[in-house]
Amino acid sequence: MGYDDLVALDLPSVPAAVSLWRNRPIDVMDAAALLSSVGLTAELRVRGVPVARLGDDAVPSGLARRLGLGPVELVPEGTLLALTRRRG
């Protein structure tokens, strides 16, 4: 994947990411299908640390499916790092 294939959204905190997820303007399935159809991957980051991906290069995780999150690749170690990382 090249840089031109990745759309990154960097948020200031995990609560901001959760809020975005809850108030999302488009269904995850629709967003993933749209991104995949044009060969793009969206990466959600918290203070620069990847926490989730969807789209062309995302590999949906069993955890995301069990949580009912749809076709999302979660990055658990990224979420842990984002939760423990100090603002700087």
C-alpha atoms as a PDB file:
ATOM      1  CA  MET A   1       0.000   0.000   0.000  1.00  0.00           C
ATOM      2  CA  GLY A   2       1.359   3.392  -0.948  1.00  0.00           C
ATOM      3  CA  TYR A   3       0.676   6.626   0.872  1.00  0.00           C
ATOM      4  CA  ASP A   4      -1.785   7.626  -1.822  1.00  0.00           C
ATOM      5  CA  ASP A   5      -3.912   4.545  -0.960  1.00  0.00           C
ATOM      6  CA  LEU A   6      -4.340   5.481   2.704  1.00  0.00           C
ATOM      7  CA  VAL A   7      -6.734   8.003   4.194  1.00  0.00           C
ATOM      8  CA  ALA A   8      -5.677   8.679   7.788  1.00  0.00           C
ATOM      9  CA  LEU A   9      -7.869  10.326  10.384  1.00  0.00           C
ATOM     10  CA  ASP A  10      -5.896  11.312  13.478  1.00  0.00           C
ATOM     11  CA  LEU A  11      -7.944  12.072  16.588  1.00  0.00           C
ATOM     12  CA  PRO A  12      -6.778  13.623  19.875  1.00  0.00           C
ATOM     13  CA  SER A  13      -8.082  10.898  22.220  1.00  0.00           C
ATOM     14  CA  VAL A  14      -9.757   7.496  22.528  1.00  0.00           C
ATOM     15  CA  PRO A  15     -13.013   9.146  23.729  1.00  0.00           C
ATOM     16  CA  ALA A  16     -12.990  11.272  20.555  1.00  0.00           C
ATOM     17  CA  ALA A  17     -12.631   8.091  18.472  1.00  0.00           C
ATOM     18  CA  VAL A  18     -15.502   6.427  20.340  1.00  0.00           C
ATOM     19  CA  SER A  19     -17.650   9.529  19.842  1.00  0.00           C
ATOM     20  CA  LEU A  20     -16.884   9.548  16.113  1.00  0.00           C
ATOM     21  CA  TRP A  21     -17.809   5.868  15.914  1.00  0.00           C
ATOM     22  CA  ARG A  22     -21.131   6.386  17.711  1.00  0.00           C
ATOM     23  CA  ASN A  23     -22.064   9.471  15.671  1.00  0.00           C
ATOM     24  CA  ARG A  24     -20.766   8.270  12.310  1.00  0.00           C
ATOM     25  CA  PRO A  25     -22.564   9.801   9.331  1.00  0.00           C
ATOM     26  CA  ILE A  26     -22.365   6.635   7.183  1.00  0.00           C
ATOM     27  CA  ASP A  27     -22.823   2.929   7.888  1.00  0.00           C
ATOM     28  CA  VAL A  28     -19.533   1.048   8.341  1.00  0.00           C
ATOM     29  CA  MET A  29     -20.470  -1.572   5.735  1.00  0.00           C
ATOM     30  CA  ASP A  30     -21.198   1.168   3.185  1.00  0.00           C
ATOM     31  CA  ALA A  31     -17.982   3.038   3.989  1.00  0.00           C
ATOM     32  CA  ALA A  32     -15.877  -0.134   3.750  1.00  0.00           C
ATOM     33  CA  ALA A  33     -17.480  -1.084   0.422  1.00  0.00           C
ATOM     34  CA  LEU A  34     -16.978   2.413  -0.982  1.00  0.00           C
ATOM     35  CA  LEU A  35     -13.332   2.558   0.097  1.00  0.00           C
ATOM     36  CA  SER A  36     -12.642  -0.936  -1.263  1.00  0.00           C
ATOM     37  CA  SER A  37     -14.302  -0.134  -4.593  1.00  0.00           C
ATOM     38  CA  VAL A  38     -11.797   2.661  -5.198  1.00  0.00           C
ATOM     39  CA  GLY A  39      -8.783   0.867  -3.690  1.00  0.00           C
ATOM     40  CA  LEU A  40      -8.508   2.975  -0.536  1.00  0.00           C
ATOM     41  CA  THR A  41      -8.019   2.117   3.116  1.00  0.00           C
ATOM     42  CA  ALA A  42      -9.051   4.395   5.977  1.00  0.00           C
ATOM     43  CA  GLU A  43      -6.944   4.273   9.121  1.00  0.00           C
ATOM     44  CA  LEU A  44      -8.221   5.708  12.371  1.00  0.00           C
ATOM     45  CA  ARG A  45      -5.403   6.962  14.596  1.00  0.00           C
ATOM     46  CA  VAL A  46      -5.318   8.365  18.093  1.00  0.00           C
ATOM     47  CA  ARG A  47      -2.415  10.797  18.543  1.00  0.00           C
ATOM     48  CA  GLY A  48      -0.635   9.133  15.615  1.00  0.00           C
ATOM     49  CA  VAL A  49      -1.180   5.540  16.783  1.00  0.00           C
ATOM     50  CA  PRO A  50      -3.293   3.314  14.455  1.00  0.00           C
ATOM     51  CA  VAL A  51      -6.309   1.822  16.282  1.00  0.00           C
ATOM     52  CA  ALA A  52      -8.544   0.632  13.404  1.00  0.00           C
ATOM     53  CA  ARG A  53      -8.689   0.257   9.617  1.00  0.00           C
ATOM     54  CA  LEU A  54     -11.387  -0.315   7.071  1.00  0.00           C
ATOM     55  CA  GLY A  55     -11.461  -0.536   3.316  1.00  0.00           C
ATOM     56  CA  ASP A  56      -9.256  -2.210   0.747  1.00  0.00           C
ATOM     57  CA  ASP A  57      -6.313  -3.362   2.905  1.00  0.00           C
ATOM     58  CA  ALA A  58      -8.229  -3.929   6.153  1.00  0.00           C
ATOM     59  CA  VAL A  59      -8.413  -7.496   7.443  1.00  0.00           C
ATOM     60  CA  PRO A  60     -11.631  -7.696   9.500  1.00  0.00           C
ATOM     61  CA  SER A  61     -10.873  -9.113  12.918  1.00  0.00           C
ATOM     62  CA  GLY A  62     -12.850 -11.741  14.802  1.00  0.00           C
ATOM     63  CA  LEU A  63     -13.023  -9.346  17.749  1.00  0.00           C
ATOM     64  CA  ALA A  64     -14.648  -6.651  15.608  1.00  0.00           C
ATOM     65  CA  ARG A  65     -17.203  -9.158  14.325  1.00  0.00           C
ATOM     66  CA  ARG A  66     -17.969 -10.382  17.868  1.00  0.00           C
ATOM     67  CA  LEU A  67     -18.424  -6.782  19.009  1.00  0.00           C
ATOM     68  CA  GLY A  68     -20.745  -6.112  16.068  1.00  0.00           C
ATOM     69  CA  LEU A  69     -18.444  -3.495  14.543  1.00  0.00           C
ATOM     70  CA  GLY A  70     -18.678  -4.797  11.000  1.00  0.00           C
ATOM     71  CA  PRO A  71     -15.810  -5.050   8.499  1.00  0.00           C
ATOM     72  CA  VAL A  72     -13.237  -3.345  10.675  1.00  0.00           C
ATOM     73  CA  GLU A  73      -9.656  -4.339  11.440  1.00  0.00           C
ATOM     74  CA  LEU A  74      -8.982  -3.459  15.056  1.00  0.00           C
ATOM     75  CA  VAL A  75      -5.437  -2.807  16.223  1.00  0.00           C
ATOM     76  CA  PRO A  76      -5.671  -3.753  19.928  1.00  0.00           C
ATOM     77  CA  GLU A  77      -2.036  -2.948  20.695  1.00  0.00           C
ATOM     78  CA  GLY A  78      -2.556   0.477  19.127  1.00  0.00           C
ATOM     79  CA  THR A  79      -5.585   1.105  21.304  1.00  0.00           C
ATOM     80  CA  LEU A  80      -3.644   0.119  24.419  1.00  0.00           C
ATOM     81  CA  LEU A  81      -0.759   2.364  23.407  1.00  0.00           C
ATOM     82  CA  ALA A  82      -3.139   5.262  22.690  1.00  0.00           C
ATOM     83  CA  LEU A  83      -4.770   4.817  26.104  1.00  0.00           C
ATOM     84  CA  THR A  84      -1.443   4.815  27.947  1.00  0.00           C
ATOM     85  CA  ARG A  85       0.533   7.311  25.856  1.00  0.00           C
ATOM     86  CA  ARG A  86       1.105  10.703  27.381  1.00  0.00           C
ATOM     87  CA  ARG A  87       0.210  13.793  25.455  1.00  0.00           C
ATOM     88  CA  GLY A  88       3.246  15.573  24.280  1.00  0.00           C
END
